[in-house]
N, C-alpha and C. Protein backbone atom coordinates (compact mmCIF):
# COMPACT_ATOMS: atom_id res chain seq x y z
N MET A 1 -45.24 -5.49 13.72
CA MET A 1 -44.76 -4.12 13.97
C MET A 1 -43.69 -4.52 14.91
N LYS A 2 -44.10 -5.31 16.31
CA LYS A 2 -43.20 -5.47 17.68
C LYS A 2 -41.89 -5.84 17.36
N ARG A 3 -42.19 -7.41 16.40
CA ARG A 3 -41.22 -8.14 15.97
C ARG A 3 -40.24 -7.34 14.75
N SER A 4 -40.46 -6.61 14.48
CA SER A 4 -39.60 -5.71 13.41
C SER A 4 -38.52 -4.76 14.32
N LEU A 5 -39.76 -3.95 15.60
CA LEU A 5 -38.21 -2.87 16.29
C LEU A 5 -37.54 -4.04 16.76
N LEU A 6 -37.81 -5.13 17.20
CA LEU A 6 -37.08 -5.73 18.31
C LEU A 6 -36.01 -6.39 17.35
N ALA A 7 -36.19 -6.86 16.14
CA ALA A 7 -35.11 -7.38 15.01
C ALA A 7 -33.96 -5.76 14.98
N ILE A 8 -34.65 -4.72 14.82
CA ILE A 8 -33.62 -3.25 14.33
C ILE A 8 -33.56 -3.13 15.85
N PHE A 9 -33.67 -3.29 17.37
CA PHE A 9 -32.67 -3.17 18.18
C PHE A 9 -31.78 -3.94 18.01
N ILE A 10 -31.55 -5.39 17.81
CA ILE A 10 -31.08 -6.63 18.21
C ILE A 10 -29.65 -6.33 17.30
N GLY A 11 -30.05 -6.06 15.94
CA GLY A 11 -29.18 -5.65 14.87
C GLY A 11 -28.43 -4.56 15.66
N SER A 12 -29.02 -3.13 16.20
CA SER A 12 -27.89 -2.40 16.47
C SER A 12 -27.33 -2.68 17.48
N LEU A 13 -27.47 -3.44 18.46
CA LEU A 13 -27.15 -3.84 19.60
C LEU A 13 -25.64 -4.59 19.58
N ILE A 14 -26.06 -5.55 18.12
CA ILE A 14 -24.84 -6.21 17.62
C ILE A 14 -23.80 -5.50 17.60
N SER A 15 -24.08 -4.63 16.06
CA SER A 15 -23.44 -3.98 15.48
C SER A 15 -22.87 -3.23 16.62
N THR A 16 -23.39 -2.26 17.71
CA THR A 16 -22.65 -1.68 18.78
C THR A 16 -21.36 -2.41 19.08
N LEU A 17 -21.76 -3.72 19.46
CA LEU A 17 -21.17 -4.47 20.13
C LEU A 17 -19.90 -4.89 19.48
N THR A 18 -20.03 -4.97 18.43
CA THR A 18 -18.91 -5.91 16.95
C THR A 18 -17.77 -4.12 17.20
N TYR A 19 -18.44 -3.44 17.35
CA TYR A 19 -17.52 -1.99 16.75
C TYR A 19 -17.04 -1.83 17.89
N ALA A 20 -17.61 -2.37 19.01
CA ALA A 20 -16.59 -1.60 20.47
C ALA A 20 -15.59 -1.73 20.69
N LYS A 21 -14.94 -3.05 19.91
CA LYS A 21 -13.68 -3.60 20.08
C LYS A 21 -12.54 -2.63 19.65
N TYR A 22 -13.18 -1.97 18.21
CA TYR A 22 -12.33 -0.97 17.70
C TYR A 22 -12.20 0.58 18.06
N PRO A 23 -11.41 1.28 17.46
CA PRO A 23 -11.07 2.61 18.03
C PRO A 23 -12.25 3.23 17.45
N ARG A 24 -12.96 4.11 17.54
CA ARG A 24 -13.89 5.26 16.75
C ARG A 24 -13.09 5.83 16.23
N SER A 25 -11.86 6.43 16.06
CA SER A 25 -11.39 7.64 15.62
C SER A 25 -10.87 6.62 14.27
N TRP A 26 -11.09 5.58 14.02
CA TRP A 26 -10.87 4.97 12.54
C TRP A 26 -12.16 5.45 11.51
N TRP A 27 -13.09 5.91 12.25
CA TRP A 27 -13.97 5.87 11.19
C TRP A 27 -14.68 7.75 11.39
N LYS A 28 -13.84 8.07 11.94
CA LYS A 28 -13.91 9.65 12.10
C LYS A 28 -14.57 10.47 11.16
N PHE A 29 -15.50 11.09 11.59
CA PHE A 29 -15.76 12.43 10.30
C PHE A 29 -14.94 13.45 9.65
N ILE A 30 -14.91 13.24 8.08
CA ILE A 30 -13.60 14.16 7.55
C ILE A 30 -14.63 15.40 6.69
N PRO A 31 -14.96 16.17 7.31
CA PRO A 31 -15.87 17.51 6.42
C PRO A 31 -15.17 16.96 4.63
N PRO A 32 -15.84 16.76 3.98
CA PRO A 32 -15.30 16.43 2.22
C PRO A 32 -14.72 17.53 1.56
N ASN A 33 -15.80 18.63 2.13
CA ASN A 33 -15.04 20.22 1.21
C ASN A 33 -13.70 20.39 1.52
N GLY A 34 -12.69 20.37 0.60
CA GLY A 34 -11.49 20.41 0.39
C GLY A 34 -10.31 19.36 0.74
N ALA A 35 -11.38 18.07 0.70
CA ALA A 35 -10.68 16.95 0.30
C ALA A 35 -10.52 16.38 -0.87
N PRO A 36 -8.93 16.07 -1.28
CA PRO A 36 -8.07 15.67 -2.81
C PRO A 36 -9.77 14.65 -3.56
N SER A 37 -9.43 15.11 -4.25
CA SER A 37 -10.76 14.17 -5.24
C SER A 37 -10.21 12.77 -5.25
N TRP A 38 -9.18 12.23 -5.12
CA TRP A 38 -8.78 10.91 -4.85
C TRP A 38 -9.10 10.06 -3.92
N GLU A 39 -9.40 10.88 -2.87
CA GLU A 39 -9.16 10.14 -1.64
C GLU A 39 -10.69 9.46 -0.72
N ILE A 40 -10.55 8.72 -0.42
CA ILE A 40 -11.98 8.10 0.13
C ILE A 40 -11.85 8.20 1.64
N LEU A 41 -12.75 8.86 2.23
CA LEU A 41 -12.38 9.38 3.63
C LEU A 41 -12.86 8.17 4.56
N PRO A 42 -12.43 8.43 5.80
CA PRO A 42 -12.83 6.87 7.03
C PRO A 42 -14.42 7.03 6.78
N GLN A 43 -15.44 8.09 6.95
CA GLN A 43 -16.85 7.95 7.20
C GLN A 43 -16.88 7.43 6.07
N GLU A 44 -16.79 6.57 5.09
CA GLU A 44 -17.50 6.37 3.90
C GLU A 44 -17.20 4.63 3.75
N ALA A 45 -16.65 4.54 4.92
CA ALA A 45 -16.77 2.66 4.97
C ALA A 45 -17.93 2.34 5.12
N LYS A 46 -18.52 0.81 4.70
CA LYS A 46 -19.81 0.61 4.71
C LYS A 46 -19.48 -0.55 6.02
N ARG A 47 -20.77 -0.96 6.75
CA ARG A 47 -20.49 -2.04 7.56
C ARG A 47 -19.49 -3.30 7.62
N GLY A 48 -18.80 -3.24 8.61
CA GLY A 48 -17.82 -4.14 8.16
C GLY A 48 -16.13 -3.89 7.87
N GLU A 49 -16.50 -2.71 7.38
CA GLU A 49 -14.96 -2.10 6.78
C GLU A 49 -14.31 -0.74 7.37
N VAL A 50 -13.60 -1.05 6.97
CA VAL A 50 -12.71 -0.01 7.51
C VAL A 50 -11.43 0.95 6.88
N ILE A 51 -11.39 2.19 6.69
CA ILE A 51 -10.50 2.91 5.58
C ILE A 51 -9.40 2.65 6.07
N LEU A 52 -7.98 2.44 5.17
CA LEU A 52 -6.84 2.63 6.04
C LEU A 52 -6.23 4.41 5.28
N SER A 53 -7.15 5.09 6.00
CA SER A 53 -7.17 6.25 5.99
C SER A 53 -5.71 6.98 6.29
N LYS A 54 -4.74 7.87 5.52
CA LYS A 54 -3.73 8.45 6.03
C LYS A 54 -4.46 9.50 7.02
N ARG A 55 -5.47 9.89 7.60
CA ARG A 55 -6.07 10.52 8.27
C ARG A 55 -5.87 9.76 9.99
N THR A 56 -5.75 8.69 9.63
CA THR A 56 -5.90 7.91 11.25
C THR A 56 -4.87 7.13 11.31
N GLU A 57 -4.16 6.47 12.27
CA GLU A 57 -3.36 5.77 12.51
C GLU A 57 -3.24 4.21 11.74
N LEU A 58 -4.29 4.03 11.11
CA LEU A 58 -4.24 3.24 10.16
C LEU A 58 -3.40 3.78 8.55
N GLY A 59 -2.99 4.85 8.57
CA GLY A 59 -2.62 5.44 7.29
C GLY A 59 -0.65 4.84 7.54
N ILE A 60 -0.32 3.96 8.54
CA ILE A 60 0.84 3.37 8.63
C ILE A 60 0.88 2.59 7.86
N PHE A 61 -0.23 1.37 7.47
CA PHE A 61 -0.13 0.74 6.35
C PHE A 61 -0.14 1.31 4.50
N SER A 62 -0.21 2.57 4.44
CA SER A 62 -0.12 2.50 3.18
C SER A 62 1.17 2.15 2.88
N ASN A 63 1.21 2.33 1.54
CA ASN A 63 2.90 1.75 0.84
C ASN A 63 3.83 3.23 0.72
N LEU A 64 3.34 4.67 0.81
CA LEU A 64 3.86 6.15 1.11
C LEU A 64 4.20 5.81 2.73
N ALA A 65 3.78 5.31 3.68
CA ALA A 65 4.23 5.47 4.91
C ALA A 65 5.39 5.05 5.35
N GLU A 66 6.51 5.72 6.62
CA GLU A 66 7.84 5.60 6.62
C GLU A 66 7.59 4.36 7.56
N SER A 67 8.31 3.42 7.37
CA SER A 67 8.30 2.35 7.76
C SER A 67 9.38 1.23 7.30
N PRO A 68 10.43 1.71 8.27
CA PRO A 68 11.59 0.81 7.38
C PRO A 68 11.86 -0.37 7.79
N PHE A 69 11.76 -1.06 6.51
CA PHE A 69 12.49 -2.86 6.77
C PHE A 69 13.35 -3.32 5.81
N THR A 70 13.94 -4.16 6.33
CA THR A 70 15.05 -4.60 5.06
C THR A 70 14.68 -5.75 4.50
N LEU A 71 14.93 -6.37 3.21
CA LEU A 71 14.79 -7.18 2.34
C LEU A 71 15.98 -7.76 1.42
N ASP A 72 16.09 -8.52 1.79
CA ASP A 72 17.18 -9.44 0.78
C ASP A 72 18.40 -8.56 0.80
N GLY A 73 18.61 -8.31 2.28
CA GLY A 73 20.19 -7.46 2.62
C GLY A 73 20.01 -6.04 2.13
N GLN A 74 18.31 -5.24 1.50
CA GLN A 74 18.94 -3.80 1.11
C GLN A 74 17.95 -3.27 2.06
N ARG A 75 17.90 -2.30 2.56
CA ARG A 75 17.29 -1.48 3.56
C ARG A 75 16.40 -0.26 2.85
N TYR A 76 15.01 -0.53 3.29
CA TYR A 76 13.93 0.90 2.64
C TYR A 76 13.60 1.24 3.41
N GLY A 77 13.16 2.57 3.05
CA GLY A 77 12.40 3.75 4.20
C GLY A 77 10.83 3.38 4.33
N SER A 78 10.37 2.82 2.81
CA SER A 78 8.76 2.26 2.74
C SER A 78 8.64 1.71 1.49
N ILE A 79 7.44 0.90 1.39
CA ILE A 79 7.12 0.01 0.41
C ILE A 79 7.55 1.18 -1.08
N GLU A 80 6.84 2.21 -0.49
CA GLU A 80 7.28 2.69 -2.39
C GLU A 80 8.44 2.84 -2.63
N GLY A 81 9.39 3.39 -1.33
CA GLY A 81 10.69 3.66 -1.72
C GLY A 81 11.28 2.74 -2.40
N LEU A 82 10.89 1.32 -2.17
CA LEU A 82 11.09 0.33 -2.93
C LEU A 82 10.55 -0.10 -4.25
N TRP A 83 9.30 0.24 -4.50
CA TRP A 83 8.58 0.03 -5.59
C TRP A 83 9.16 1.36 -6.98
N GLN A 84 9.32 2.54 -6.07
CA GLN A 84 9.86 3.78 -6.79
C GLN A 84 11.25 3.47 -7.67
N GLY A 85 11.91 3.06 -6.38
CA GLY A 85 13.20 2.95 -6.50
C GLY A 85 14.04 1.54 -8.03
N MET A 86 12.90 1.04 -8.26
CA MET A 86 13.54 -0.03 -9.08
C MET A 86 12.90 0.19 -10.84
N LYS A 87 12.59 1.75 -10.78
CA LYS A 87 12.25 2.28 -11.62
C LYS A 87 13.75 3.05 -12.34
N TYR A 88 14.82 3.29 -11.20
CA TYR A 88 15.87 4.15 -11.35
C TYR A 88 16.86 2.84 -11.69
N PRO A 89 18.63 3.30 -12.40
CA PRO A 89 19.24 2.87 -12.74
C PRO A 89 20.07 1.87 -11.80
N ASP A 90 20.23 1.15 -11.68
CA ASP A 90 20.96 -0.58 -11.30
C ASP A 90 22.34 -0.55 -11.21
N PRO A 91 23.26 0.00 -10.32
CA PRO A 91 24.46 -0.06 -10.19
C PRO A 91 25.07 -1.65 -10.61
N LYS A 92 24.28 -2.27 -9.86
CA LYS A 92 24.61 -3.89 -10.36
C LYS A 92 23.88 -4.66 -11.16
N LEU A 93 23.24 -4.14 -12.06
CA LEU A 93 22.90 -4.67 -13.12
C LEU A 93 23.70 -4.44 -14.42
N LYS A 94 24.32 -5.61 -15.16
CA LYS A 94 24.73 -5.23 -16.10
C LYS A 94 24.04 -5.04 -17.09
N ASN A 95 24.63 -4.23 -17.75
CA ASN A 95 24.43 -3.62 -19.47
C ASN A 95 22.71 -3.28 -19.03
N ASP A 96 22.81 -2.24 -18.31
CA ASP A 96 21.55 -1.31 -17.91
C ASP A 96 21.81 -0.07 -18.56
N PRO A 97 20.35 -0.16 -19.86
CA PRO A 97 20.99 1.09 -20.28
C PRO A 97 20.71 2.34 -19.80
N ARG A 98 20.00 2.26 -18.19
CA ARG A 98 19.49 3.74 -17.64
C ARG A 98 20.89 4.22 -17.39
N LYS A 99 21.78 3.52 -16.92
CA LYS A 99 23.29 3.95 -16.49
C LYS A 99 23.58 5.15 -17.59
N GLU A 100 23.03 5.20 -18.82
CA GLU A 100 23.46 6.31 -19.09
C GLU A 100 22.41 7.18 -19.73
N ILE A 101 21.54 7.38 -18.58
CA ILE A 101 20.42 8.36 -18.79
C ILE A 101 20.77 9.28 -17.55
N GLU A 102 20.51 10.79 -17.41
CA GLU A 102 20.34 11.52 -16.22
C GLU A 102 19.37 11.19 -15.76
N TYR A 103 19.00 11.08 -14.00
CA TYR A 103 17.91 10.80 -13.32
C TYR A 103 18.31 11.86 -12.02
N PRO A 104 17.67 12.39 -11.67
CA PRO A 104 17.41 13.69 -10.53
C PRO A 104 17.95 12.42 -9.19
N TYR A 105 17.97 11.05 -9.25
CA TYR A 105 18.01 10.71 -7.70
C TYR A 105 18.51 9.12 -8.01
N SER A 106 19.33 8.83 -7.25
CA SER A 106 20.48 7.56 -7.18
C SER A 106 18.99 6.72 -6.57
N ARG A 107 19.42 5.14 -7.11
CA ARG A 107 18.42 3.79 -6.94
C ARG A 107 18.18 4.08 -5.17
N GLU A 108 19.43 4.48 -4.61
CA GLU A 108 19.71 4.34 -3.18
C GLU A 108 18.98 5.67 -2.39
N GLU A 109 18.97 6.73 -3.33
CA GLU A 109 18.33 7.61 -2.44
C GLU A 109 16.74 7.23 -2.55
N VAL A 110 16.40 6.88 -3.79
CA VAL A 110 14.81 6.68 -3.92
C VAL A 110 14.59 5.60 -2.76
N TYR A 111 15.56 4.68 -2.34
CA TYR A 111 14.79 3.37 -1.41
C TYR A 111 15.01 4.07 0.07
N ALA A 112 15.54 5.06 0.25
CA ALA A 112 15.43 5.13 1.39
C ALA A 112 13.96 6.48 1.62
N LEU A 113 13.58 6.94 0.66
CA LEU A 113 12.21 7.47 0.66
C LEU A 113 11.34 7.42 0.92
N SER A 114 10.43 8.22 1.40
CA SER A 114 9.09 7.89 1.82
C SER A 114 8.02 8.98 1.66
N GLY A 115 6.87 8.76 1.86
CA GLY A 115 5.43 9.79 1.77
C GLY A 115 5.56 10.07 0.66
N TRP A 116 5.04 11.13 0.04
CA TRP A 116 4.92 12.14 -1.18
C TRP A 116 6.35 12.17 -1.70
N PRO A 117 7.51 12.44 -1.50
CA PRO A 117 8.48 12.65 -1.91
C PRO A 117 8.98 11.17 -2.92
N SER A 118 8.63 10.00 -2.20
CA SER A 118 8.93 8.45 -2.94
C SER A 118 8.37 8.67 -4.30
N LYS A 119 7.31 8.74 -3.92
CA LYS A 119 5.90 8.68 -4.94
C LYS A 119 6.10 9.90 -6.05
N GLU A 120 6.46 10.96 -5.97
CA GLU A 120 7.07 12.15 -6.95
C GLU A 120 8.03 11.57 -7.83
N ALA A 121 9.22 11.01 -6.92
CA ALA A 121 10.87 10.72 -7.45
C ALA A 121 10.18 9.50 -8.58
N GLY A 122 9.28 8.46 -8.11
CA GLY A 122 8.98 7.67 -8.97
C GLY A 122 8.14 8.16 -10.69
N ASN A 123 6.95 9.21 -10.12
CA ASN A 123 6.76 9.62 -11.18
C ASN A 123 8.32 10.80 -12.65
N LEU A 124 8.79 10.96 -11.62
CA LEU A 124 9.98 11.65 -12.47
C LEU A 124 10.74 10.36 -13.62
N ALA A 125 10.97 9.31 -12.61
CA ALA A 125 11.44 8.46 -13.64
C ALA A 125 10.35 7.91 -14.47
N ASN A 126 9.55 7.91 -14.24
CA ASN A 126 8.47 7.43 -15.39
C ASN A 126 8.12 8.56 -16.68
N GLU A 127 8.40 9.58 -16.57
CA GLU A 127 8.64 10.62 -17.79
C GLU A 127 10.04 10.04 -18.28
N ILE A 128 10.71 9.89 -17.48
CA ILE A 128 12.31 9.82 -18.36
C ILE A 128 11.97 8.26 -19.06
N ASN A 129 11.56 7.41 -17.97
CA ASN A 129 12.15 5.99 -18.84
C ASN A 129 10.84 6.06 -20.27
N TYR A 130 10.06 6.74 -19.87
CA TYR A 130 8.90 6.63 -21.44
C TYR A 130 9.66 7.53 -22.49
N ASP A 131 10.56 8.58 -21.99
CA ASP A 131 10.75 9.02 -23.39
C ASP A 131 12.02 8.68 -23.88
N ASN A 132 12.62 7.68 -23.28
CA ASN A 132 13.60 6.65 -23.47
C ASN A 132 12.87 5.28 -23.82
N ASP A 133 11.89 4.59 -24.18
CA ASP A 133 11.22 3.28 -24.27
C ASP A 133 11.96 3.06 -23.25
N ILE A 134 11.94 2.85 -22.07
CA ILE A 134 12.35 2.02 -21.22
C ILE A 134 11.11 1.87 -20.77
N ASP A 135 10.27 0.16 -20.85
CA ASP A 135 9.03 -0.29 -20.45
C ASP A 135 8.97 -1.10 -19.23
N TRP A 136 10.72 -1.37 -18.47
CA TRP A 136 10.36 -2.22 -17.40
C TRP A 136 11.22 -2.10 -16.27
N ILE A 137 11.02 -2.62 -15.06
CA ILE A 137 11.87 -2.20 -13.92
C ILE A 137 12.80 -3.22 -13.62
N ASN A 138 13.69 -3.42 -12.20
CA ASN A 138 14.27 -4.55 -11.65
C ASN A 138 14.37 -4.65 -10.73
N TYR A 139 14.25 -6.12 -10.43
CA TYR A 139 14.89 -6.43 -8.87
C TYR A 139 15.80 -7.63 -9.23
N GLY A 140 16.93 -7.22 -8.91
CA GLY A 140 18.27 -7.94 -8.74
C GLY A 140 18.22 -7.93 -10.20
N ASP A 141 18.18 -9.56 -10.48
CA ASP A 141 18.82 -9.59 -12.07
C ASP A 141 17.56 -9.79 -13.06
N HIS A 142 16.83 -9.34 -12.42
CA HIS A 142 15.50 -9.68 -13.12
C HIS A 142 15.04 -8.63 -13.66
N ARG A 143 14.37 -8.22 -14.75
CA ARG A 143 13.80 -7.50 -15.57
C ARG A 143 12.33 -7.33 -15.78
N PHE A 144 11.48 -6.78 -15.19
CA PHE A 144 10.11 -7.16 -15.63
C PHE A 144 8.92 -5.74 -15.89
N ASN A 145 8.15 -6.12 -16.58
CA ASN A 145 6.94 -5.36 -16.71
C ASN A 145 5.95 -5.06 -15.75
N TYR A 146 5.75 -4.63 -15.01
CA TYR A 146 4.77 -5.03 -13.88
C TYR A 146 3.45 -4.67 -14.21
N VAL A 147 2.99 -3.88 -14.97
CA VAL A 147 1.79 -3.90 -15.36
C VAL A 147 1.69 -4.78 -16.60
N ASP A 148 2.47 -5.75 -16.47
CA ASP A 148 1.63 -6.52 -18.14
C ASP A 148 1.18 -7.39 -18.01
N GLY A 149 0.06 -7.93 -16.96
CA GLY A 149 -0.97 -8.91 -16.46
C GLY A 149 -0.46 -10.01 -16.87
N ALA A 150 0.73 -10.04 -16.72
CA ALA A 150 1.24 -11.74 -17.13
C ALA A 150 2.54 -11.86 -16.40
N GLU A 151 3.37 -12.37 -16.62
CA GLU A 151 4.73 -12.86 -15.76
C GLU A 151 5.34 -11.77 -14.74
N GLY A 152 5.13 -10.53 -15.17
CA GLY A 152 6.18 -9.13 -14.55
C GLY A 152 4.97 -8.90 -13.74
N SER A 153 3.54 -9.06 -13.58
CA SER A 153 2.94 -8.49 -12.73
C SER A 153 2.68 -9.78 -11.38
N GLU A 154 2.70 -10.77 -12.19
CA GLU A 154 2.91 -11.49 -10.73
C GLU A 154 4.39 -11.50 -10.07
N PHE A 155 5.27 -11.45 -10.50
CA PHE A 155 6.33 -11.22 -9.95
C PHE A 155 6.45 -10.40 -8.89
N HIS A 156 5.74 -9.14 -9.63
CA HIS A 156 5.55 -7.75 -8.86
C HIS A 156 5.05 -8.06 -7.63
N LEU A 157 3.66 -8.87 -7.74
CA LEU A 157 2.96 -9.46 -6.70
C LEU A 157 3.55 -9.44 -5.63
N GLU A 158 3.96 -10.54 -6.00
CA GLU A 158 5.14 -11.81 -4.70
C GLU A 158 6.29 -11.03 -4.32
N LEU A 159 6.44 -10.03 -5.15
CA LEU A 159 8.00 -9.04 -4.49
C LEU A 159 7.19 -8.35 -3.77
N ILE A 160 6.40 -7.73 -4.25
CA ILE A 160 5.83 -6.72 -2.80
C ILE A 160 4.99 -7.20 -1.94
N THR A 161 4.13 -8.46 -1.67
CA THR A 161 3.72 -9.29 -0.78
C THR A 161 5.03 -9.77 0.17
N ARG A 162 6.19 -10.26 -0.13
CA ARG A 162 7.10 -10.33 0.80
C ARG A 162 7.59 -9.10 1.36
N ALA A 163 7.56 -7.96 0.31
CA ALA A 163 7.92 -6.57 1.11
C ALA A 163 7.21 -6.12 2.21
N MET A 164 6.02 -6.40 2.33
CA MET A 164 4.72 -5.97 2.97
C MET A 164 5.00 -6.86 4.60
N ARG A 165 5.46 -8.14 3.87
CA ARG A 165 5.35 -9.17 4.92
C ARG A 165 6.83 -8.67 6.23
N ALA A 166 7.52 -8.34 5.55
CA ALA A 166 8.71 -7.77 5.63
C ALA A 166 8.61 -6.57 6.76
N LYS A 167 8.31 -5.31 6.11
CA LYS A 167 7.50 -4.34 6.80
C LYS A 167 6.66 -4.37 8.44
N ILE A 168 5.65 -5.75 7.88
CA ILE A 168 4.95 -5.84 9.31
C ILE A 168 5.86 -6.87 10.34
N ASN A 169 6.63 -7.66 10.11
CA ASN A 169 7.25 -8.71 11.09
C ASN A 169 8.24 -7.96 11.72
N GLN A 170 9.05 -6.72 10.84
CA GLN A 170 10.08 -6.00 11.44
C GLN A 170 9.83 -4.53 12.16
N ASN A 171 8.30 -4.42 12.31
CA ASN A 171 7.67 -3.40 13.32
C ASN A 171 6.96 -3.73 13.79
N PRO A 172 7.45 -4.19 15.05
CA PRO A 172 6.14 -4.55 16.17
C PRO A 172 4.87 -3.93 16.52
N GLU A 173 5.08 -2.79 16.05
CA GLU A 173 3.73 -1.61 16.30
C GLU A 173 2.56 -1.84 15.15
N ILE A 174 3.16 -1.64 14.03
CA ILE A 174 2.87 -2.06 12.87
C ILE A 174 1.88 -3.50 12.71
N LYS A 175 2.60 -4.52 13.48
CA LYS A 175 2.34 -6.38 13.43
C LYS A 175 1.17 -5.70 14.54
N LYS A 176 1.26 -5.11 15.46
CA LYS A 176 0.20 -5.53 16.55
C LYS A 176 -1.05 -4.62 15.54
N LEU A 177 -1.04 -3.71 15.05
CA LEU A 177 -2.24 -2.82 14.66
C LEU A 177 -3.06 -3.55 13.77
N LEU A 178 -1.89 -3.97 12.83
CA LEU A 178 -2.61 -5.10 12.14
C LEU A 178 -3.54 -6.16 12.14
N ARG A 179 -3.04 -6.59 13.42
CA ARG A 179 -3.89 -7.63 14.37
C ARG A 179 -5.02 -7.37 14.75
N LYS A 180 -5.02 -5.85 15.29
CA LYS A 180 -6.18 -5.23 15.83
C LYS A 180 -7.51 -4.62 14.80
N THR A 181 -7.01 -5.18 13.75
CA THR A 181 -7.89 -5.10 12.45
C THR A 181 -8.81 -6.00 11.90
N LYS A 182 -8.51 -7.16 12.81
CA LYS A 182 -9.06 -8.90 12.40
C LYS A 182 -10.66 -8.64 12.43
N GLY A 183 -11.16 -8.89 11.66
CA GLY A 183 -12.60 -8.91 11.38
C GLY A 183 -13.16 -7.98 11.11
N LEU A 184 -12.32 -6.94 10.07
CA LEU A 184 -13.00 -5.97 9.41
C LEU A 184 -12.09 -6.08 7.78
N LYS A 185 -12.86 -5.95 7.06
CA LYS A 185 -12.45 -5.80 5.69
C LYS A 185 -11.92 -4.23 5.43
N LEU A 186 -10.51 -4.80 5.31
CA LEU A 186 -9.48 -3.71 5.21
C LEU A 186 -9.77 -2.66 3.65
N LYS A 187 -9.60 -1.14 3.34
CA LYS A 187 -10.26 -0.48 2.01
C LYS A 187 -9.23 0.30 2.22
N PRO A 188 -8.78 0.36 0.56
CA PRO A 188 -7.86 1.46 0.47
C PRO A 188 -8.75 2.76 0.49
N ASP A 189 -7.78 3.82 0.55
CA ASP A 189 -8.03 5.10 1.06
C ASP A 189 -8.04 6.17 -0.30
N HIS A 190 -8.21 5.66 -1.28
CA HIS A 190 -8.27 6.04 -2.68
C HIS A 190 -9.04 5.04 -3.93
N TYR A 191 -9.16 5.63 -5.02
CA TYR A 191 -10.19 4.96 -5.51
C TYR A 191 -8.86 4.08 -6.62
N MET A 192 -9.43 2.79 -7.22
CA MET A 192 -8.38 2.37 -7.97
C MET A 192 -9.29 1.76 -9.21
N GLY A 193 -8.74 1.75 -10.55
CA GLY A 193 -9.34 1.24 -11.47
C GLY A 193 -9.80 -0.31 -11.15
N GLU A 194 -10.66 -0.68 -11.93
CA GLU A 194 -11.20 -2.25 -11.92
C GLU A 194 -9.85 -3.30 -12.69
N ASP A 195 -9.08 -2.55 -13.42
CA ASP A 195 -8.13 -3.47 -14.04
C ASP A 195 -6.55 -3.66 -13.48
N VAL A 196 -6.34 -2.68 -12.39
CA VAL A 196 -5.39 -2.57 -11.94
C VAL A 196 -4.61 -4.16 -11.74
N PRO A 197 -3.47 -4.10 -11.42
CA PRO A 197 -2.31 -5.33 -11.22
C PRO A 197 -2.73 -5.49 -9.69
N PRO A 198 -2.87 -6.99 -9.46
CA PRO A 198 -2.98 -7.03 -7.83
C PRO A 198 -2.35 -6.52 -7.04
N SER A 199 -0.80 -6.40 -7.24
CA SER A 199 0.26 -5.55 -6.71
C SER A 199 -0.12 -4.46 -6.12
N PHE A 200 -1.05 -3.98 -6.82
CA PHE A 200 -1.54 -2.17 -6.37
C PHE A 200 -2.91 -2.34 -5.30
N LYS A 201 -3.04 -3.51 -5.39
CA LYS A 201 -4.10 -3.67 -4.21
C LYS A 201 -3.75 -4.39 -2.82
N TYR A 202 -3.08 -2.89 -2.13
CA TYR A 202 -2.30 -3.31 -0.84
C TYR A 202 -3.24 -3.73 0.29
N HIS A 203 -4.60 -3.33 0.23
CA HIS A 203 -5.52 -3.52 1.49
C HIS A 203 -5.57 -5.33 1.36
N GLU A 204 -6.23 -5.62 0.04
CA GLU A 204 -6.37 -7.43 0.31
C GLU A 204 -4.80 -7.75 0.60
N ILE A 205 -3.34 -7.40 -0.13
CA ILE A 205 -2.43 -8.18 0.26
C ILE A 205 -2.19 -8.16 2.17
N LEU A 206 -2.59 -7.01 2.64
CA LEU A 206 -2.87 -6.82 3.98
C LEU A 206 -3.70 -7.73 4.84
N MET A 207 -4.57 -7.64 4.10
CA MET A 207 -5.84 -8.97 4.58
C MET A 207 -5.11 -10.08 4.29
N HIS A 208 -4.30 -10.56 3.36
CA HIS A 208 -4.23 -12.09 3.32
C HIS A 208 -2.98 -12.56 4.46
N ILE A 209 -1.81 -11.37 4.70
CA ILE A 209 -1.14 -11.47 5.31
C ILE A 209 -1.67 -11.56 7.09
N ARG A 210 -2.60 -11.02 7.17
CA ARG A 210 -3.39 -11.02 8.28
C ARG A 210 -3.68 -12.33 8.73
N ASP A 211 -4.77 -12.61 7.85
CA ASP A 211 -5.94 -13.67 8.10
C ASP A 211 -4.86 -14.74 7.80
N SER A 212 -3.88 -14.97 7.43
CA SER A 212 -3.18 -16.18 6.96
C SER A 212 -1.81 -16.41 8.11
N GLU A 213 -1.54 -15.38 8.48
CA GLU A 213 0.00 -15.31 9.27
C GLU A 213 -0.40 -15.18 10.51
N LEU A 214 -1.07 -14.28 10.81
CA LEU A 214 -1.22 -13.59 12.62
C LEU A 214 -2.19 -14.39 13.21
């Protein structure tokens, strides 16, 4: 019995000391009532994990977060701006059939967006492209279907990884914060299907960059 109590005490002490170097606000309790069904709240993290919640400073790691960066000479307002902007007509792409279709935004306008407006712009493009049998997006001269589970998904993963690396390296405070999470497993703040392409798993991309490059 004494050994059991001692083991519990030591385990608790180790856990306390381990977490002491991290801000407790990362795990702050958010009342579940009223939270959207898609959201994973900060307190739902298991031991050794932290949720990249938009309710804490870690929300800056969301694709939606306003975090300007430049990639291959193009300026973006967020990762989401890049992601959704690729669904729009590209003035530089030869024989782009989307140029003949009316869209609510230009590609450049979407590139500059962040937050929910960037996501909503993408949703609008999804509807238009679906109605016109367009199942691809483009980056430069490369057209691809980013959910094909093959070459398109692989190309998209490489592109989004490069974009995240640019976002981190070009924003010192974001880079510093990512370093601060070392030792913790990063988890998304929303539910994902088991079969989503790897480019959707932003938390895993961030951990790869953090643990191999920072």
